[in-house]
Amino acid sequence: MLEHNETLIELRVLQKSFTNQEQDQLRT
């Protein structure tokens, strides 16, 4: 269960950084 939780957190972090990159591209 703990491993699954860590995976969810990693996915969330990846999504955050991905959306941040998209916003940066839109800004340029």
PDB file of N, CA and C in Angstrom:
ATOM      1  N   MET A   1       0.837  -1.206   0.000  1.00  0.00           N
ATOM      2  CA  MET A   1       0.000   0.000   0.000  1.00  0.00           C
ATOM      3  C   MET A   1       0.875   1.260   0.000  1.00  0.00           C
ATOM      4  N   LEU A   2       1.955   1.192   0.734  1.00  0.00           N
ATOM      5  CA  LEU A   2       2.824   2.370   0.793  1.00  0.00           C
ATOM      6  C   LEU A   2       3.452   2.629  -0.575  1.00  0.00           C
ATOM      7  N   GLU A   3       3.860   1.556  -1.252  1.00  0.00           N
ATOM      8  CA  GLU A   3       4.451   1.732  -2.587  1.00  0.00           C
ATOM      9  C   GLU A   3       3.453   2.385  -3.530  1.00  0.00           C
ATOM     10  N   HIS A   4       2.214   1.936  -3.450  1.00  0.00           N
ATOM     11  CA  HIS A   4       1.187   2.509  -4.322  1.00  0.00           C
ATOM     12  C   HIS A   4       1.032   4.001  -4.038  1.00  0.00           C
ATOM     13  N   ASN A   5       1.071   4.363  -2.765  1.00  0.00           N
ATOM     14  CA  ASN A   5       0.939   5.768  -2.385  1.00  0.00           C
ATOM     15  C   ASN A   5       2.092   6.578  -2.978  1.00  0.00           C
ATOM     16  N   GLU A   6       3.297   6.049  -2.875  1.00  0.00           N
ATOM     17  CA  GLU A   6       4.457   6.765  -3.427  1.00  0.00           C
ATOM     18  C   GLU A   6       4.307   6.959  -4.927  1.00  0.00           C
ATOM     19  N   THR A   7       3.795   5.951  -5.606  1.00  0.00           N
ATOM     20  CA  THR A   7       3.610   6.066  -7.053  1.00  0.00           C
ATOM     21  C   THR A   7       2.616   7.166  -7.374  1.00  0.00           C
ATOM     22  N   LEU A   8       1.554   7.241  -6.601  1.00  0.00           N
ATOM     23  CA  LEU A   8       0.554   8.289  -6.832  1.00  0.00           C
ATOM     24  C   LEU A   8       1.190   9.659  -6.648  1.00  0.00           C
ATOM     25  N   ILE A   9       2.004   9.800  -5.616  1.00  0.00           N
ATOM     26  CA  ILE A   9       2.648  11.095  -5.358  1.00  0.00           C
ATOM     27  C   ILE A   9       3.577  11.445  -6.522  1.00  0.00           C
ATOM     28  N   GLU A  10       4.344  10.460  -6.981  1.00  0.00           N
ATOM     29  CA  GLU A  10       5.253  10.726  -8.108  1.00  0.00           C
ATOM     30  C   GLU A  10       4.469  11.159  -9.338  1.00  0.00           C
ATOM     31  N   LEU A  11       3.368  10.467  -9.604  1.00  0.00           N
ATOM     32  CA  LEU A  11       2.547  10.823 -10.762  1.00  0.00           C
ATOM     33  C   LEU A  11       2.048  12.252 -10.627  1.00  0.00           C
ATOM     34  N   ARG A  12       1.625  12.611  -9.432  1.00  0.00           N
ATOM     35  CA  ARG A  12       1.101  13.960  -9.217  1.00  0.00           C
ATOM     36  C   ARG A  12       2.192  14.995  -9.465  1.00  0.00           C
ATOM     37  N   VAL A  13       3.388  14.704  -8.977  1.00  0.00           N
ATOM     38  CA  VAL A  13       4.507  15.635  -9.182  1.00  0.00           C
ATOM     39  C   VAL A  13       4.822  15.756 -10.670  1.00  0.00           C
ATOM     40  N   LEU A  14       4.809  14.614 -11.367  1.00  0.00           N
ATOM     41  CA  LEU A  14       5.077  14.643 -12.807  1.00  0.00           C
ATOM     42  C   LEU A  14       4.021  15.474 -13.525  1.00  0.00           C
ATOM     43  N   GLN A  15       2.773  15.284 -13.153  1.00  0.00           N
ATOM     44  CA  GLN A  15       1.700  16.054 -13.787  1.00  0.00           C
ATOM     45  C   GLN A  15       1.913  17.547 -13.546  1.00  0.00           C
ATOM     46  N   LYS A  16       2.295  17.903 -12.320  1.00  0.00           N
ATOM     47  CA  LYS A  16       2.506  19.318 -11.992  1.00  0.00           C
ATOM     48  C   LYS A  16       3.587  19.915 -12.886  1.00  0.00           C
ATOM     49  N   SER A  17       4.735  19.244 -12.947  1.00  0.00           N
ATOM     50  CA  SER A  17       5.837  19.766 -13.754  1.00  0.00           C
ATOM     51  C   SER A  17       5.442  19.807 -15.227  1.00  0.00           C
ATOM     52  N   PHE A  18       4.652  18.825 -15.665  1.00  0.00           N
ATOM     53  CA  PHE A  18       4.239  18.796 -17.068  1.00  0.00           C
ATOM     54  C   PHE A  18       3.336  19.985 -17.384  1.00  0.00           C
ATOM     55  N   THR A  19       2.357  20.252 -16.539  1.00  0.00           N
ATOM     56  CA  THR A  19       1.456  21.381 -16.779  1.00  0.00           C
ATOM     57  C   THR A  19       2.247  22.687 -16.698  1.00  0.00           C
ATOM     58  N   ASN A  20       3.227  22.753 -15.824  1.00  0.00           N
ATOM     59  CA  ASN A  20       4.042  23.957 -15.722  1.00  0.00           C
ATOM     60  C   ASN A  20       4.785  24.198 -17.033  1.00  0.00           C
ATOM     61  N   GLN A  21       5.316  23.137 -17.620  1.00  0.00           N
ATOM     62  CA  GLN A  21       6.020  23.278 -18.897  1.00  0.00           C
ATOM     63  C   GLN A  21       5.058  23.756 -19.978  1.00  0.00           C
ATOM     64  N   GLU A  22       3.850  23.214 -19.981  1.00  0.00           N
ATOM     65  CA  GLU A  22       2.865  23.624 -20.990  1.00  0.00           C
ATOM     66  C   GLU A  22       2.567  25.113 -20.853  1.00  0.00           C
ATOM     67  N   GLN A  23       2.384  25.574 -19.629  1.00  0.00           N
ATOM     68  CA  GLN A  23       2.094  26.989 -19.407  1.00  0.00           C
ATOM     69  C   GLN A  23       3.259  27.849 -19.889  1.00  0.00           C
ATOM     70  N   ASP A  24       4.487  27.383 -19.638  1.00  0.00           N
ATOM     71  CA  ASP A  24       5.657  28.131 -20.094  1.00  0.00           C
ATOM     72  C   ASP A  24       5.661  28.234 -21.616  1.00  0.00           C
ATOM     73  N   GLN A  25       5.299  27.147 -22.291  1.00  0.00           N
ATOM     74  CA  GLN A  25       5.271  27.174 -23.758  1.00  0.00           C
ATOM     75  C   GLN A  25       4.200  28.148 -24.246  1.00  0.00           C
ATOM     76  N   LEU A  26       3.063  28.167 -23.579  1.00  0.00           N
ATOM     77  CA  LEU A  26       1.987  29.073 -23.990  1.00  0.00           C
ATOM     78  C   LEU A  26       2.435  30.522 -23.811  1.00  0.00           C
ATOM     79  N   ARG A  27       3.188  30.780 -22.748  1.00  0.00           N
ATOM     80  CA  ARG A  27       3.613  32.143 -22.454  1.00  0.00           C
ATOM     81  C   ARG A  27       4.564  32.652 -23.528  1.00  0.00           C
ATOM     82  N   THR A  28       5.409  31.774 -24.037  1.00  0.00           N
ATOM     83  CA  THR A  28       6.428  32.208 -25.003  1.00  0.00           C
ATOM     84  C   THR A  28       5.787  32.631 -26.328  1.00  0.00           C
TER      85      THR A  28
END
